[in-house]
PDB file of N, CA and C in Angstrom:
ATOM      1  N   MET A   1      79.602 147.981 160.308  1.00  0.00           N
ATOM      2  CA  MET A   1      80.816 148.590 159.560  1.00  0.00           C
ATOM      3  C   MET A   1      80.301 150.373 159.420  1.00  0.00           C
ATOM      4  N   ALA A   2      81.453 150.772 160.526  1.00  0.00           N
ATOM      5  CA  ALA A   2      81.884 151.839 160.949  1.00  0.00           C
ATOM      6  C   ALA A   2      81.533 153.090 159.628  1.00  0.00           C
ATOM      7  N   THR A   3      81.633 154.431 160.102  1.00  0.00           N
ATOM      8  CA  THR A   3      81.194 155.628 158.724  1.00  0.00           C
ATOM      9  C   THR A   3      82.449 156.375 158.886  1.00  0.00           C
ATOM     10  N   THR A   4      82.696 157.452 157.786  1.00  0.00           N
ATOM     11  CA  THR A   4      83.575 158.128 158.113  1.00  0.00           C
ATOM     12  C   THR A   4      84.413 159.089 159.036  1.00  0.00           C
ATOM     13  N   GLN A   5      82.694 159.446 160.358  1.00  0.00           N
ATOM     14  CA  GLN A   5      83.171 160.302 160.606  1.00  0.00           C
ATOM     15  C   GLN A   5      82.564 159.007 162.686  1.00  0.00           C
ATOM     16  N   GLU A   6      82.486 158.771 162.508  1.00  0.00           N
ATOM     17  CA  GLU A   6      83.080 158.074 162.973  1.00  0.00           C
ATOM     18  C   GLU A   6      84.620 158.048 162.840  1.00  0.00           C
ATOM     19  N   ARG A   7      85.270 157.152 161.849  1.00  0.00           N
ATOM     20  CA  ARG A   7      86.325 156.827 162.190  1.00  0.00           C
ATOM     21  C   ARG A   7      87.407 157.646 161.653  1.00  0.00           C
ATOM     22  N   ASN A   8      87.599 158.554 161.181  1.00  0.00           N
ATOM     23  CA  ASN A   8      88.087 159.957 161.778  1.00  0.00           C
ATOM     24  C   ASN A   8      87.903 160.833 162.695  1.00  0.00           C
ATOM     25  N   GLN A   9      88.257 161.170 163.579  1.00  0.00           N
ATOM     26  CA  GLN A   9      88.472 161.825 164.874  1.00  0.00           C
ATOM     27  C   GLN A   9      88.943 163.158 164.491  1.00  0.00           C
ATOM     28  N   ASN A  10      89.217 163.855 162.988  1.00  0.00           N
ATOM     29  CA  ASN A  10      90.259 165.133 163.461  1.00  0.00           C
ATOM     30  C   ASN A  10      88.184 165.644 162.604  1.00  0.00           C
ATOM     31  N   ARG A  11      88.118 164.889 162.397  1.00  0.00           N
ATOM     32  CA  ARG A  11      86.266 165.552 162.097  1.00  0.00           C
ATOM     33  C   ARG A  11      85.165 165.674 163.103  1.00  0.00           C
ATOM     34  N   SER A  12      85.319 164.861 164.427  1.00  0.00           N
ATOM     35  CA  SER A  12      84.649 165.083 165.120  1.00  0.00           C
ATOM     36  C   SER A  12      84.846 165.575 166.683  1.00  0.00           C
ATOM     37  N   ARG A  13      86.180 166.535 166.388  1.00  0.00           N
ATOM     38  CA  ARG A  13      85.848 167.272 167.603  1.00  0.00           C
ATOM     39  C   ARG A  13      85.415 168.104 167.710  1.00  0.00           C
ATOM     40  N   PRO A  14      85.903 168.318 168.913  1.00  0.00           N
ATOM     41  CA  PRO A  14      85.050 169.426 169.724  1.00  0.00           C
ATOM     42  C   PRO A  14      85.184 170.777 169.143  1.00  0.00           C
ATOM     43  N   THR A  15      84.684 171.392 168.358  1.00  0.00           N
ATOM     44  CA  THR A  15      84.666 173.211 167.472  1.00  0.00           C
ATOM     45  C   THR A  15      84.699 174.751 169.063  1.00  0.00           C
ATOM     46  N   LYS A  16      85.584 175.465 168.417  1.00  0.00           N
ATOM     47  CA  LYS A  16      86.105 176.087 169.539  1.00  0.00           C
ATOM     48  C   LYS A  16      84.657 176.830 169.517  1.00  0.00           C
ATOM     49  N   SER A  17      84.142 177.163 170.953  1.00  0.00           N
ATOM     50  CA  SER A  17      83.131 178.157 171.061  1.00  0.00           C
ATOM     51  C   SER A  17      83.878 179.851 171.127  1.00  0.00           C
ATOM     52  N   ASN A  18      83.056 180.991 171.264  1.00  0.00           N
ATOM     53  CA  ASN A  18      82.956 181.891 170.991  1.00  0.00           C
ATOM     54  C   ASN A  18      84.470 182.549 172.167  1.00  0.00           C
ATOM     55  N   SER A  19      82.749 182.334 172.826  1.00  0.00           N
ATOM     56  CA  SER A  19      84.138 182.685 175.177  1.00  0.00           C
ATOM     57  C   SER A  19      84.468 182.558 174.923  1.00  0.00           C
ATOM     58  N   GLU A  20      85.473 180.707 174.645  1.00  0.00           N
ATOM     59  CA  GLU A  20      86.546 180.167 174.903  1.00  0.00           C
ATOM     60  C   GLU A  20      87.681 180.996 173.980  1.00  0.00           C
ATOM     61  N   ARG A  21      87.414 181.073 173.116  1.00  0.00           N
ATOM     62  CA  ARG A  21      88.142 182.642 171.862  1.00  0.00           C
ATOM     63  C   ARG A  21      88.567 183.812 173.065  1.00  0.00           C
ATOM     64  N   ARG A  22      87.022 183.760 173.331  1.00  0.00           N
ATOM     65  CA  ARG A  22      87.595 185.534 173.784  1.00  0.00           C
ATOM     66  C   ARG A  22      88.400 185.554 175.652  1.00  0.00           C
ATOM     67  N   LYS A  23      88.171 184.838 175.222  1.00  0.00           N
ATOM     68  CA  LYS A  23      88.837 184.179 177.463  1.00  0.00           C
ATOM     69  C   LYS A  23      90.162 184.420 176.969  1.00  0.00           C
ATOM     70  N   ARG A  24      91.098 183.077 175.154  1.00  0.00           N
ATOM     71  CA  ARG A  24      92.338 183.544 175.555  1.00  0.00           C
ATOM     72  C   ARG A  24      92.825 183.770 174.793  1.00  0.00           C
ATOM     73  N   GLN A  25      91.781 185.340 173.857  1.00  0.00           N
ATOM     74  CA  GLN A  25      92.150 186.540 173.461  1.00  0.00           C
ATOM     75  C   GLN A  25      93.458 187.243 174.794  1.00  0.00           C
ATOM     76  N   ALA A  26      92.594 187.228 175.617  1.00  0.00           N
ATOM     77  CA  ALA A  26      92.374 188.552 177.167  1.00  0.00           C
ATOM     78  C   ALA A  26      93.471 187.458 177.491  1.00  0.00           C
ATOM     79  N   VAL A  27      93.505 186.078 177.732  1.00  0.00           N
ATOM     80  CA  VAL A  27      94.946 186.173 178.431  1.00  0.00           C
ATOM     81  C   VAL A  27      95.724 186.531 178.051  1.00  0.00           C
ATOM     82  N   HIS A  28      96.041 186.117 176.699  1.00  0.00           N
ATOM     83  CA  HIS A  28      96.957 186.981 175.407  1.00  0.00           C
ATOM     84  C   HIS A  28      97.822 187.902 175.724  1.00  0.00           C
ATOM     85  N   ARG A  29      96.455 189.064 176.216  1.00  0.00           N
ATOM     86  CA  ARG A  29      96.487 190.741 175.711  1.00  0.00           C
ATOM     87  C   ARG A  29      97.935 190.391 177.471  1.00  0.00           C
ATOM     88  N   LYS A  30      97.166 189.739 178.125  1.00  0.00           N
ATOM     89  CA  LYS A  30      97.038 190.282 179.456  1.00  0.00           C
ATOM     90  C   LYS A  30      99.152 189.898 179.905  1.00  0.00           C
ATOM     91  N   ARG A  31      99.126 188.793 179.004  1.00  0.00           N
ATOM     92  CA  ARG A  31     101.039 187.710 178.501  1.00  0.00           C
ATOM     93  C   ARG A  31     101.668 189.775 178.339  1.00  0.00           C
ATOM     94  N   LEU A  32     101.178 189.641 177.557  1.00  0.00           N
ATOM     95  CA  LEU A  32     101.758 190.254 176.816  1.00  0.00           C
ATOM     96  C   LEU A  32     102.264 191.442 177.624  1.00  0.00           C
ATOM     97  N   VAL A  33     100.827 192.196 178.083  1.00  0.00           N
ATOM     98  CA  VAL A  33     101.158 193.590 179.407  1.00  0.00           C
ATOM     99  C   VAL A  33     102.185 192.709 180.470  1.00  0.00           C
ATOM    100  N   ALA A  34     102.224 191.673 180.253  1.00  0.00           N
ATOM    101  CA  ALA A  34     103.504 191.546 182.071  1.00  0.00           C
ATOM    102  C   ALA A  34     104.652 191.166 181.826  1.00  0.00           C
ATOM    103  N   LEU A  35     104.755 191.587 179.638  1.00  0.00           N
ATOM    104  CA  LEU A  35     106.326 191.502 179.682  1.00  0.00           C
ATOM    105  C   LEU A  35     106.978 192.761 179.312  1.00  0.00           C
ATOM    106  N   GLY A  36     105.766 193.912 179.114  1.00  0.00           N
ATOM    107  CA  GLY A  36     106.526 195.311 179.418  1.00  0.00           C
ATOM    108  C   GLY A  36     105.814 195.615 178.736  1.00  0.00           C
ATOM    109  N   MET A  37     105.276 195.509 177.232  1.00  0.00           N
ATOM    110  CA  MET A  37     103.958 196.383 177.146  1.00  0.00           C
ATOM    111  C   MET A  37     102.978 197.140 177.816  1.00  0.00           C
ATOM    112  N   ASP A  38     103.037 198.554 176.812  1.00  0.00           N
ATOM    113  CA  ASP A  38     102.204 199.623 177.060  1.00  0.00           C
ATOM    114  C   ASP A  38     100.976 198.701 177.016  1.00  0.00           C
ATOM    115  N   GLU A  39      99.426 198.894 178.163  1.00  0.00           N
ATOM    116  CA  GLU A  39      98.841 198.219 177.534  1.00  0.00           C
ATOM    117  C   GLU A  39      97.720 198.840 176.397  1.00  0.00           C
ATOM    118  N   ALA A  40      97.285 200.335 176.224  1.00  0.00           N
ATOM    119  CA  ALA A  40      96.817 201.123 175.303  1.00  0.00           C
ATOM    120  C   ALA A  40      97.618 200.150 173.829  1.00  0.00           C
ATOM    121  N   VAL A  41      98.630 200.063 173.797  1.00  0.00           N
ATOM    122  CA  VAL A  41      99.501 199.863 172.353  1.00  0.00           C
ATOM    123  C   VAL A  41      98.759 198.092 172.056  1.00  0.00           C
ATOM    124  N   VAL A  42      98.907 197.404 172.914  1.00  0.00           N
ATOM    125  CA  VAL A  42      97.990 196.140 173.288  1.00  0.00           C
ATOM    126  C   VAL A  42      97.188 195.967 172.854  1.00  0.00           C
ATOM    127  N   ALA A  43      95.780 197.060 173.332  1.00  0.00           N
ATOM    128  CA  ALA A  43      94.232 197.069 173.078  1.00  0.00           C
ATOM    129  C   ALA A  43      93.949 196.703 171.334  1.00  0.00           C
ATOM    130  N   LEU A  44      95.015 198.231 170.952  1.00  0.00           N
ATOM    131  CA  LEU A  44      94.443 198.749 169.923  1.00  0.00           C
ATOM    132  C   LEU A  44      95.446 196.760 168.149  1.00  0.00           C
ATOM    133  N   MET A  45      96.013 196.152 169.257  1.00  0.00           N
ATOM    134  CA  MET A  45      96.674 195.176 167.963  1.00  0.00           C
ATOM    135  C   MET A  45      95.624 194.057 168.107  1.00  0.00           C
ATOM    136  N   SER A  46      95.630 193.814 167.018  1.00  0.00           N
ATOM    137  CA  SER A  46      95.047 192.693 166.461  1.00  0.00           C
ATOM    138  C   SER A  46      95.499 191.297 166.525  1.00  0.00           C
ATOM    139  N   SER A  47      94.643 190.146 166.524  1.00  0.00           N
ATOM    140  CA  SER A  47      94.651 188.966 168.108  1.00  0.00           C
ATOM    141  C   SER A  47      95.985 188.788 167.350  1.00  0.00           C
ATOM    142  N   LYS A  48      95.816 188.248 165.276  1.00  0.00           N
ATOM    143  CA  LYS A  48      97.081 188.033 164.740  1.00  0.00           C
ATOM    144  C   LYS A  48      98.642 188.895 165.227  1.00  0.00           C
ATOM    145  N   ASP A  49      98.582 189.591 165.595  1.00  0.00           N
ATOM    146  CA  ASP A  49      99.937 190.277 166.288  1.00  0.00           C
ATOM    147  C   ASP A  49      99.869 189.952 167.301  1.00  0.00           C
ATOM    148  N   VAL A  50      99.184 189.744 168.337  1.00  0.00           N
ATOM    149  CA  VAL A  50      98.773 189.823 169.069  1.00  0.00           C
ATOM    150  C   VAL A  50      99.415 188.080 169.648  1.00  0.00           C
ATOM    151  N   ARG A  51      99.128 187.440 169.585  1.00  0.00           N
ATOM    152  CA  ARG A  51      99.783 185.720 168.811  1.00  0.00           C
ATOM    153  C   ARG A  51     101.496 186.218 168.236  1.00  0.00           C
ATOM    154  N   ASP A  52     101.354 186.528 166.923  1.00  0.00           N
ATOM    155  CA  ASP A  52     103.258 186.443 166.481  1.00  0.00           C
ATOM    156  C   ASP A  52     104.009 187.033 167.634  1.00  0.00           C
ATOM    157  N   LYS A  53     103.611 188.199 168.218  1.00  0.00           N
ATOM    158  CA  LYS A  53     104.251 188.724 169.347  1.00  0.00           C
ATOM    159  C   LYS A  53     104.457 187.354 170.673  1.00  0.00           C
ATOM    160  N   LEU A  54     103.848 186.908 171.413  1.00  0.00           N
ATOM    161  CA  LEU A  54     104.452 185.436 172.295  1.00  0.00           C
ATOM    162  C   LEU A  54     104.736 185.027 171.334  1.00  0.00           C
ATOM    163  N   LYS A  55     105.554 184.382 170.628  1.00  0.00           N
ATOM    164  CA  LYS A  55     105.626 183.257 169.863  1.00  0.00           C
ATOM    165  C   LYS A  55     107.659 183.668 170.475  1.00  0.00           C
ATOM    166  N   ARG A  56     107.671 185.079 171.080  1.00  0.00           N
ATOM    167  CA  ARG A  56     109.132 185.541 170.801  1.00  0.00           C
ATOM    168  C   ARG A  56     109.032 185.781 172.210  1.00  0.00           C
ATOM    169  N   PRO A  57     108.697 185.688 173.505  1.00  0.00           N
ATOM    170  CA  PRO A  57     107.983 186.315 174.744  1.00  0.00           C
ATOM    171  C   PRO A  57     109.181 187.290 175.473  1.00  0.00           C
ATOM    172  N   ALA A  58     110.898 186.941 174.961  1.00  0.00           N
ATOM    173  CA  ALA A  58     111.896 186.818 175.151  1.00  0.00           C
ATOM    174  C   ALA A  58     111.623 187.982 174.654  1.00  0.00           C
ATOM    175  N   LYS A  59     112.920 188.369 173.313  1.00  0.00           N
ATOM    176  CA  LYS A  59     112.083 189.138 172.775  1.00  0.00           C
ATOM    177  C   LYS A  59     111.334 190.572 172.715  1.00  0.00           C
ATOM    178  N   VAL A  60     110.379 190.792 173.124  1.00  0.00           N
ATOM    179  CA  VAL A  60     109.458 191.187 173.567  1.00  0.00           C
ATOM    180  C   VAL A  60     109.465 191.989 174.920  1.00  0.00           C
ATOM    181  N   ALA A  61     110.100 191.105 175.996  1.00  0.00           N
ATOM    182  CA  ALA A  61     111.419 190.951 177.127  1.00  0.00           C
ATOM    183  C   ALA A  61     111.800 192.841 177.377  1.00  0.00           C
ATOM    184  N   LYS A  62     112.774 192.429 176.587  1.00  0.00           N
ATOM    185  CA  LYS A  62     113.969 192.815 176.145  1.00  0.00           C
ATOM    186  C   LYS A  62     113.914 193.643 175.227  1.00  0.00           C
ATOM    187  N   GLU A  63     112.283 193.988 174.442  1.00  0.00           N
ATOM    188  CA  GLU A  63     113.085 194.649 173.725  1.00  0.00           C
ATOM    189  C   GLU A  63     111.863 196.248 174.843  1.00  0.00           C
ATOM    190  N   PHE A  64     111.229 195.614 175.231  1.00  0.00           N
ATOM    191  CA  PHE A  64     109.923 196.583 176.252  1.00  0.00           C
ATOM    192  C   PHE A  64     111.123 196.686 177.424  1.00  0.00           C
ATOM    193  N   ALA A  65     112.195 196.054 177.609  1.00  0.00           N
ATOM    194  CA  ALA A  65     112.826 197.086 178.975  1.00  0.00           C
ATOM    195  C   ALA A  65     114.273 197.846 178.475  1.00  0.00           C
ATOM    196  N   ASP A  66     113.997 197.567 177.428  1.00  0.00           N
ATOM    197  CA  ASP A  66     114.414 199.033 177.572  1.00  0.00           C
ATOM    198  C   ASP A  66     114.488 200.302 177.468  1.00  0.00           C
ATOM    199  N   LYS A  67     113.031 200.419 177.255  1.00  0.00           N
ATOM    200  CA  LYS A  67     111.751 201.366 177.272  1.00  0.00           C
ATOM    201  C   LYS A  67     111.795 202.439 178.081  1.00  0.00           C
ATOM    202  N   LYS A  68     111.671 201.252 179.166  1.00  0.00           N
ATOM    203  CA  LYS A  68     111.451 201.445 180.978  1.00  0.00           C
ATOM    204  C   LYS A  68     112.498 202.270 181.899  1.00  0.00           C
TER     205      LYS A  68
END
């Protein structure tokens, strides 16, 4: 008979490593810079703010296209 850990696939998923998380956050920051945001402003943003901005990339691009 299988144990709970073997049956429940959600509990046996691999955990995210810190290095993968840092790489992913760096990619997100580069995407915001590519959309037109200032690199200094992006560097000061928290990771949650970066993710929130990337939910609507067209809106970010339009907002910062006007400032150029």
